[in-house]
Amino acid sequence: MAPDRGSHRDGGSRTDAPIDAGAAVEFLVQITTSLPPDMPAAERDQLIAAERRRGRELLDRGAIRAIWRIPGGLRNVGIWEASDATELHELITSLPASPWFSANVTALAVHPLVHPDEPPPDPRHGASDSDKRGR
């Protein structure tokens, strides 16, 4: 029997609750799947169907914000949202194919071009010049 990958340390599950967009962090997630070449076709088909069902659940609840297939293999790249890295790990490992894939994760931060009316922070002090002048 496979481990319960959706259990949180307090005994509950965070992998099916809606994402709280106000407290969420965005992550760039790149997944590469390597199924065993000797996996029976029926088992492979069932796994892929289960993976698509779970992926759709994660998309519908807002954990997967966007996703793209990378041609040439069982690979994808997506923007995922979670409250923290621990929740993201739980979400990713809730996918049925997780024993056969590797995931590269990068936390994302807002770029200054998204809010051009706000000055970028001073990298030396974490505050902008206008913040230091009291504006």
N, C-alpha and C. Protein backbone atom coordinates (compact mmCIF):
# COMPACT_ATOMS: atom_id res chain seq x y z
N MET A 1 0.84 -1.18 0.00
CA MET A 1 0.00 0.00 0.00
C MET A 1 0.88 1.24 0.00
N ALA A 2 0.52 2.22 -0.80
CA ALA A 2 1.29 3.45 -0.91
C ALA A 2 1.07 4.32 0.32
N PRO A 3 2.09 5.09 0.71
CA PRO A 3 1.92 5.96 1.87
C PRO A 3 0.89 7.04 1.58
N ASP A 4 0.26 7.56 2.64
CA ASP A 4 -0.70 8.66 2.51
C ASP A 4 0.10 9.93 2.34
N ARG A 5 0.22 10.38 1.11
CA ARG A 5 1.05 11.54 0.81
C ARG A 5 0.35 12.85 1.11
N GLY A 6 -0.95 12.82 1.45
CA GLY A 6 -1.68 14.05 1.71
C GLY A 6 -1.83 14.37 3.18
N SER A 7 -1.22 13.60 4.06
CA SER A 7 -1.40 13.84 5.49
C SER A 7 -0.49 14.95 5.96
N HIS A 8 -1.06 15.81 6.77
CA HIS A 8 -0.30 16.87 7.39
C HIS A 8 0.11 16.40 8.77
N ARG A 9 1.14 16.98 9.33
CA ARG A 9 1.64 16.47 10.60
C ARG A 9 0.61 16.59 11.74
N ASP A 10 -0.43 17.44 11.60
CA ASP A 10 -1.45 17.51 12.64
C ASP A 10 -2.55 16.48 12.42
N GLY A 11 -2.37 15.60 11.43
CA GLY A 11 -3.33 14.54 11.16
C GLY A 11 -4.33 14.89 10.08
N GLY A 12 -4.45 16.17 9.74
CA GLY A 12 -5.38 16.60 8.70
C GLY A 12 -4.72 16.60 7.34
N SER A 13 -5.47 16.98 6.33
CA SER A 13 -4.93 17.05 4.97
C SER A 13 -5.08 18.46 4.44
N ARG A 14 -3.97 19.01 3.91
CA ARG A 14 -4.03 20.33 3.31
C ARG A 14 -4.11 20.23 1.80
N THR A 15 -4.09 19.04 1.25
CA THR A 15 -4.00 18.92 -0.20
C THR A 15 -5.33 19.05 -0.92
N ASP A 16 -6.44 19.12 -0.19
CA ASP A 16 -7.74 19.25 -0.83
C ASP A 16 -8.45 20.54 -0.44
N ALA A 17 -7.88 21.31 0.47
CA ALA A 17 -8.50 22.57 0.88
C ALA A 17 -8.22 23.64 -0.17
N PRO A 18 -9.15 24.59 -0.37
CA PRO A 18 -8.90 25.68 -1.31
C PRO A 18 -7.68 26.49 -0.89
N ILE A 19 -6.97 27.02 -1.88
CA ILE A 19 -5.79 27.85 -1.62
C ILE A 19 -6.25 29.24 -1.19
N ASP A 20 -5.69 29.77 -0.10
CA ASP A 20 -5.97 31.13 0.35
C ASP A 20 -5.02 32.05 -0.40
N ALA A 21 -5.55 32.73 -1.45
CA ALA A 21 -4.71 33.54 -2.32
C ALA A 21 -3.99 34.65 -1.57
N GLY A 22 -4.56 35.15 -0.47
CA GLY A 22 -3.92 36.22 0.28
C GLY A 22 -2.65 35.77 0.98
N ALA A 23 -2.55 34.50 1.32
CA ALA A 23 -1.40 33.99 2.06
C ALA A 23 -0.54 33.07 1.20
N ALA A 24 -0.79 33.04 -0.10
CA ALA A 24 -0.14 32.06 -0.97
C ALA A 24 1.18 32.57 -1.53
N VAL A 25 2.05 31.60 -1.82
CA VAL A 25 3.32 31.83 -2.48
C VAL A 25 3.25 31.12 -3.82
N GLU A 26 3.79 31.76 -4.86
CA GLU A 26 3.82 31.11 -6.18
C GLU A 26 5.17 30.42 -6.36
N PHE A 27 5.11 29.27 -7.04
CA PHE A 27 6.31 28.48 -7.31
C PHE A 27 6.32 28.07 -8.77
N LEU A 28 7.49 28.09 -9.39
CA LEU A 28 7.69 27.52 -10.71
C LEU A 28 8.08 26.06 -10.47
N VAL A 29 7.28 25.14 -11.03
CA VAL A 29 7.51 23.71 -10.80
C VAL A 29 7.72 23.02 -12.15
N GLN A 30 8.85 22.36 -12.29
CA GLN A 30 9.17 21.60 -13.50
C GLN A 30 9.20 20.13 -13.12
N ILE A 31 8.36 19.34 -13.78
CA ILE A 31 8.27 17.91 -13.46
C ILE A 31 8.69 17.09 -14.67
N THR A 32 9.56 16.10 -14.41
CA THR A 32 9.98 15.14 -15.43
C THR A 32 9.66 13.75 -14.90
N THR A 33 8.84 13.02 -15.65
CA THR A 33 8.40 11.69 -15.24
C THR A 33 9.17 10.64 -16.03
N SER A 34 9.63 9.62 -15.33
CA SER A 34 10.35 8.50 -15.96
C SER A 34 9.69 7.20 -15.49
N LEU A 35 8.70 6.74 -16.26
CA LEU A 35 8.04 5.48 -15.92
C LEU A 35 8.94 4.32 -16.32
N PRO A 36 8.89 3.23 -15.56
CA PRO A 36 9.72 2.07 -15.91
C PRO A 36 9.34 1.53 -17.29
N PRO A 37 10.31 1.23 -18.13
CA PRO A 37 10.00 0.74 -19.48
C PRO A 37 9.22 -0.57 -19.47
N ASP A 38 9.36 -1.33 -18.39
CA ASP A 38 8.66 -2.62 -18.32
C ASP A 38 7.30 -2.53 -17.61
N MET A 39 6.83 -1.29 -17.34
CA MET A 39 5.52 -1.14 -16.71
C MET A 39 4.46 -1.62 -17.69
N PRO A 40 3.57 -2.52 -17.27
CA PRO A 40 2.51 -3.00 -18.17
C PRO A 40 1.65 -1.85 -18.69
N ALA A 41 1.25 -1.94 -19.94
CA ALA A 41 0.48 -0.87 -20.59
C ALA A 41 -0.78 -0.53 -19.81
N ALA A 42 -1.48 -1.52 -19.31
CA ALA A 42 -2.72 -1.26 -18.56
C ALA A 42 -2.44 -0.47 -17.29
N GLU A 43 -1.35 -0.84 -16.59
CA GLU A 43 -0.97 -0.12 -15.37
C GLU A 43 -0.57 1.32 -15.70
N ARG A 44 0.19 1.48 -16.78
CA ARG A 44 0.59 2.82 -17.24
C ARG A 44 -0.62 3.66 -17.56
N ASP A 45 -1.59 3.11 -18.29
CA ASP A 45 -2.80 3.85 -18.66
C ASP A 45 -3.59 4.26 -17.42
N GLN A 46 -3.70 3.35 -16.44
CA GLN A 46 -4.42 3.66 -15.20
C GLN A 46 -3.71 4.77 -14.42
N LEU A 47 -2.38 4.70 -14.37
CA LEU A 47 -1.60 5.71 -13.66
C LEU A 47 -1.78 7.08 -14.31
N ILE A 48 -1.70 7.13 -15.63
CA ILE A 48 -1.84 8.40 -16.33
C ILE A 48 -3.25 8.97 -16.14
N ALA A 49 -4.28 8.11 -16.17
CA ALA A 49 -5.65 8.56 -15.94
C ALA A 49 -5.81 9.12 -14.52
N ALA A 50 -5.23 8.42 -13.53
CA ALA A 50 -5.31 8.88 -12.14
C ALA A 50 -4.54 10.20 -11.97
N GLU A 51 -3.41 10.32 -12.65
CA GLU A 51 -2.61 11.54 -12.59
C GLU A 51 -3.40 12.71 -13.16
N ARG A 52 -4.08 12.50 -14.27
CA ARG A 52 -4.89 13.57 -14.88
C ARG A 52 -6.05 13.97 -13.97
N ARG A 53 -6.70 12.98 -13.34
CA ARG A 53 -7.79 13.30 -12.41
C ARG A 53 -7.29 14.17 -11.26
N ARG A 54 -6.18 13.73 -10.64
CA ARG A 54 -5.64 14.49 -9.51
C ARG A 54 -5.15 15.86 -9.96
N GLY A 55 -4.52 15.92 -11.12
CA GLY A 55 -4.07 17.21 -11.65
C GLY A 55 -5.23 18.16 -11.86
N ARG A 56 -6.35 17.64 -12.37
CA ARG A 56 -7.55 18.47 -12.58
C ARG A 56 -8.08 18.98 -11.24
N GLU A 57 -8.07 18.13 -10.20
CA GLU A 57 -8.51 18.57 -8.87
C GLU A 57 -7.64 19.72 -8.37
N LEU A 58 -6.32 19.59 -8.55
CA LEU A 58 -5.40 20.63 -8.10
C LEU A 58 -5.58 21.91 -8.91
N LEU A 59 -5.86 21.78 -10.19
CA LEU A 59 -6.13 22.94 -11.04
C LEU A 59 -7.43 23.62 -10.60
N ASP A 60 -8.47 22.84 -10.38
CA ASP A 60 -9.77 23.39 -10.00
C ASP A 60 -9.74 24.12 -8.66
N ARG A 61 -8.91 23.67 -7.73
CA ARG A 61 -8.85 24.33 -6.42
C ARG A 61 -7.85 25.47 -6.37
N GLY A 62 -7.12 25.70 -7.46
CA GLY A 62 -6.21 26.84 -7.53
C GLY A 62 -4.78 26.53 -7.14
N ALA A 63 -4.45 25.29 -6.83
CA ALA A 63 -3.06 24.96 -6.48
C ALA A 63 -2.17 25.03 -7.71
N ILE A 64 -2.69 24.58 -8.86
CA ILE A 64 -1.98 24.75 -10.13
C ILE A 64 -2.63 25.95 -10.82
N ARG A 65 -1.84 27.02 -10.99
CA ARG A 65 -2.37 28.25 -11.60
C ARG A 65 -2.29 28.20 -13.12
N ALA A 66 -1.25 27.58 -13.63
CA ALA A 66 -1.05 27.44 -15.08
C ALA A 66 -0.11 26.25 -15.28
N ILE A 67 -0.27 25.57 -16.43
CA ILE A 67 0.58 24.41 -16.70
C ILE A 67 0.76 24.25 -18.19
N TRP A 68 1.96 23.85 -18.59
CA TRP A 68 2.29 23.61 -19.99
C TRP A 68 2.98 22.27 -20.11
N ARG A 69 2.69 21.54 -21.17
CA ARG A 69 3.38 20.30 -21.49
C ARG A 69 4.64 20.66 -22.24
N ILE A 70 5.72 19.97 -21.95
CA ILE A 70 6.97 20.15 -22.70
C ILE A 70 7.05 18.99 -23.68
N PRO A 71 6.98 19.26 -24.98
CA PRO A 71 6.98 18.18 -25.97
C PRO A 71 8.24 17.32 -25.89
N GLY A 72 8.08 16.05 -26.23
CA GLY A 72 9.21 15.15 -26.32
C GLY A 72 9.34 14.18 -25.15
N GLY A 73 8.43 14.21 -24.22
CA GLY A 73 8.52 13.31 -23.08
C GLY A 73 7.39 13.57 -22.11
N LEU A 74 7.45 12.91 -20.98
CA LEU A 74 6.46 13.12 -19.93
C LEU A 74 6.99 14.22 -19.02
N ARG A 75 6.91 15.45 -19.53
CA ARG A 75 7.44 16.61 -18.81
C ARG A 75 6.43 17.74 -18.84
N ASN A 76 6.44 18.56 -17.79
CA ASN A 76 5.61 19.75 -17.78
C ASN A 76 6.26 20.82 -16.93
N VAL A 77 5.77 22.03 -17.09
CA VAL A 77 6.20 23.16 -16.27
C VAL A 77 4.94 23.92 -15.91
N GLY A 78 4.88 24.37 -14.67
CA GLY A 78 3.68 25.06 -14.23
C GLY A 78 3.96 26.07 -13.14
N ILE A 79 2.96 26.91 -12.92
CA ILE A 79 2.96 27.84 -11.81
C ILE A 79 2.00 27.26 -10.78
N TRP A 80 2.53 26.95 -9.62
CA TRP A 80 1.75 26.38 -8.52
C TRP A 80 1.66 27.42 -7.41
N GLU A 81 0.63 27.29 -6.59
CA GLU A 81 0.43 28.21 -5.48
C GLU A 81 0.15 27.40 -4.22
N ALA A 82 0.83 27.77 -3.14
CA ALA A 82 0.65 27.09 -1.86
C ALA A 82 0.98 28.07 -0.75
N SER A 83 0.57 27.75 0.46
CA SER A 83 0.84 28.65 1.58
C SER A 83 2.32 28.67 1.96
N ASP A 84 3.03 27.56 1.69
CA ASP A 84 4.45 27.48 1.99
C ASP A 84 5.04 26.27 1.27
N ALA A 85 6.34 26.09 1.41
CA ALA A 85 7.03 24.99 0.72
C ALA A 85 6.56 23.62 1.20
N THR A 86 6.21 23.52 2.47
CA THR A 86 5.72 22.24 2.99
C THR A 86 4.41 21.85 2.33
N GLU A 87 3.49 22.80 2.22
CA GLU A 87 2.22 22.50 1.55
C GLU A 87 2.46 22.16 0.08
N LEU A 88 3.37 22.88 -0.58
CA LEU A 88 3.67 22.57 -1.98
C LEU A 88 4.17 21.14 -2.11
N HIS A 89 5.05 20.73 -1.22
CA HIS A 89 5.56 19.36 -1.23
C HIS A 89 4.41 18.36 -1.11
N GLU A 90 3.50 18.63 -0.19
CA GLU A 90 2.35 17.74 -0.01
C GLU A 90 1.49 17.68 -1.26
N LEU A 91 1.28 18.83 -1.91
CA LEU A 91 0.48 18.87 -3.13
C LEU A 91 1.15 18.06 -4.25
N ILE A 92 2.44 18.30 -4.44
CA ILE A 92 3.17 17.62 -5.52
C ILE A 92 3.18 16.11 -5.28
N THR A 93 3.44 15.70 -4.04
CA THR A 93 3.52 14.27 -3.77
C THR A 93 2.15 13.61 -3.68
N SER A 94 1.07 14.40 -3.74
CA SER A 94 -0.27 13.81 -3.80
C SER A 94 -0.60 13.30 -5.21
N LEU A 95 0.25 13.63 -6.17
CA LEU A 95 0.05 13.13 -7.54
C LEU A 95 0.43 11.65 -7.60
N PRO A 96 -0.40 10.82 -8.22
CA PRO A 96 -0.14 9.38 -8.25
C PRO A 96 1.20 8.97 -8.87
N ALA A 97 1.70 9.76 -9.81
CA ALA A 97 2.96 9.40 -10.47
C ALA A 97 4.19 9.91 -9.73
N SER A 98 4.00 10.53 -8.56
CA SER A 98 5.15 11.14 -7.86
C SER A 98 6.30 10.17 -7.58
N PRO A 99 6.07 8.87 -7.36
CA PRO A 99 7.23 7.99 -7.17
C PRO A 99 8.13 7.88 -8.40
N TRP A 100 7.61 8.26 -9.56
CA TRP A 100 8.37 8.12 -10.81
C TRP A 100 8.77 9.45 -11.41
N PHE A 101 8.64 10.55 -10.66
CA PHE A 101 9.08 11.81 -11.26
C PHE A 101 10.00 12.58 -10.33
N SER A 102 10.72 13.50 -10.97
CA SER A 102 11.52 14.46 -10.21
C SER A 102 10.90 15.83 -10.44
N ALA A 103 10.93 16.66 -9.43
CA ALA A 103 10.37 18.01 -9.53
C ALA A 103 11.43 19.02 -9.12
N ASN A 104 11.61 20.01 -9.97
CA ASN A 104 12.50 21.13 -9.66
C ASN A 104 11.60 22.30 -9.31
N VAL A 105 11.81 22.89 -8.15
CA VAL A 105 10.94 23.94 -7.64
C VAL A 105 11.73 25.22 -7.41
N THR A 106 11.15 26.34 -7.84
CA THR A 106 11.73 27.66 -7.61
C THR A 106 10.65 28.56 -7.04
N ALA A 107 10.88 29.13 -5.86
CA ALA A 107 9.94 30.09 -5.29
C ALA A 107 10.02 31.37 -6.12
N LEU A 108 8.87 32.00 -6.33
CA LEU A 108 8.80 33.21 -7.15
C LEU A 108 8.44 34.42 -6.29
N ALA A 109 8.94 35.58 -6.69
CA ALA A 109 8.63 36.84 -6.02
C ALA A 109 8.11 37.83 -7.05
N VAL A 110 7.35 38.80 -6.60
CA VAL A 110 6.80 39.82 -7.49
C VAL A 110 7.94 40.63 -8.09
N HIS A 111 7.87 40.87 -9.38
CA HIS A 111 8.87 41.66 -10.09
C HIS A 111 8.44 43.12 -10.07
N PRO A 112 9.38 44.07 -9.98
CA PRO A 112 9.02 45.49 -9.95
C PRO A 112 8.21 45.95 -11.18
N LEU A 113 8.34 45.26 -12.31
CA LEU A 113 7.57 45.67 -13.49
C LEU A 113 6.07 45.44 -13.29
N VAL A 114 5.70 44.57 -12.36
CA VAL A 114 4.29 44.30 -12.10
C VAL A 114 3.64 45.51 -11.43
N HIS A 115 4.39 46.23 -10.61
CA HIS A 115 3.89 47.42 -9.91
C HIS A 115 4.83 48.59 -10.22
N PRO A 116 4.78 49.14 -11.47
CA PRO A 116 5.74 50.17 -11.86
C PRO A 116 5.60 51.47 -11.08
N ASP A 117 4.47 51.72 -10.40
CA ASP A 117 4.29 52.95 -9.63
C ASP A 117 5.01 52.91 -8.29
N GLU A 118 5.49 51.72 -7.90
CA GLU A 118 6.21 51.59 -6.64
C GLU A 118 7.70 51.47 -6.92
N PRO A 119 8.52 52.25 -6.21
CA PRO A 119 9.96 52.14 -6.43
C PRO A 119 10.46 50.79 -5.93
N PRO A 120 11.49 50.24 -6.60
CA PRO A 120 12.05 48.97 -6.13
C PRO A 120 12.72 49.16 -4.78
N PRO A 121 12.78 48.12 -3.96
CA PRO A 121 13.45 48.24 -2.66
C PRO A 121 14.94 48.45 -2.83
N ASP A 122 15.53 49.15 -1.89
CA ASP A 122 16.98 49.34 -1.85
C ASP A 122 17.58 48.00 -1.45
N PRO A 123 18.38 47.37 -2.32
CA PRO A 123 18.91 46.04 -2.00
C PRO A 123 19.83 46.03 -0.78
N ARG A 124 20.36 47.19 -0.40
CA ARG A 124 21.25 47.24 0.77
C ARG A 124 20.48 47.27 2.08
N HIS A 125 19.25 47.80 2.04
CA HIS A 125 18.53 48.00 3.29
C HIS A 125 17.11 47.44 3.26
N GLY A 126 16.65 46.98 2.11
CA GLY A 126 15.31 46.44 2.01
C GLY A 126 14.23 47.51 1.95
N ALA A 127 14.62 48.78 1.84
CA ALA A 127 13.63 49.85 1.74
C ALA A 127 14.00 50.76 0.58
N SER A 128 13.01 51.36 -0.06
CA SER A 128 13.27 52.26 -1.18
C SER A 128 13.73 53.61 -0.66
N ASP A 129 14.32 54.44 -1.54
CA ASP A 129 14.73 55.79 -1.15
C ASP A 129 13.55 56.61 -0.67
N SER A 130 12.39 56.46 -1.33
CA SER A 130 11.22 57.23 -0.91
C SER A 130 10.75 56.79 0.47
N ASP A 131 10.93 55.50 0.81
CA ASP A 131 10.58 55.03 2.15
C ASP A 131 11.49 55.70 3.19
N LYS A 132 12.76 55.87 2.84
CA LYS A 132 13.71 56.46 3.78
C LYS A 132 13.43 57.94 3.98
N ARG A 133 12.87 58.60 2.94
CA ARG A 133 12.56 60.03 3.05
C ARG A 133 11.20 60.27 3.67
N GLY A 134 10.45 59.19 3.98
CA GLY A 134 9.16 59.35 4.61
C GLY A 134 8.02 59.52 3.63
N ARG A 135 8.24 59.27 2.37
CA ARG A 135 7.15 59.38 1.38
C ARG A 135 6.45 58.08 1.21
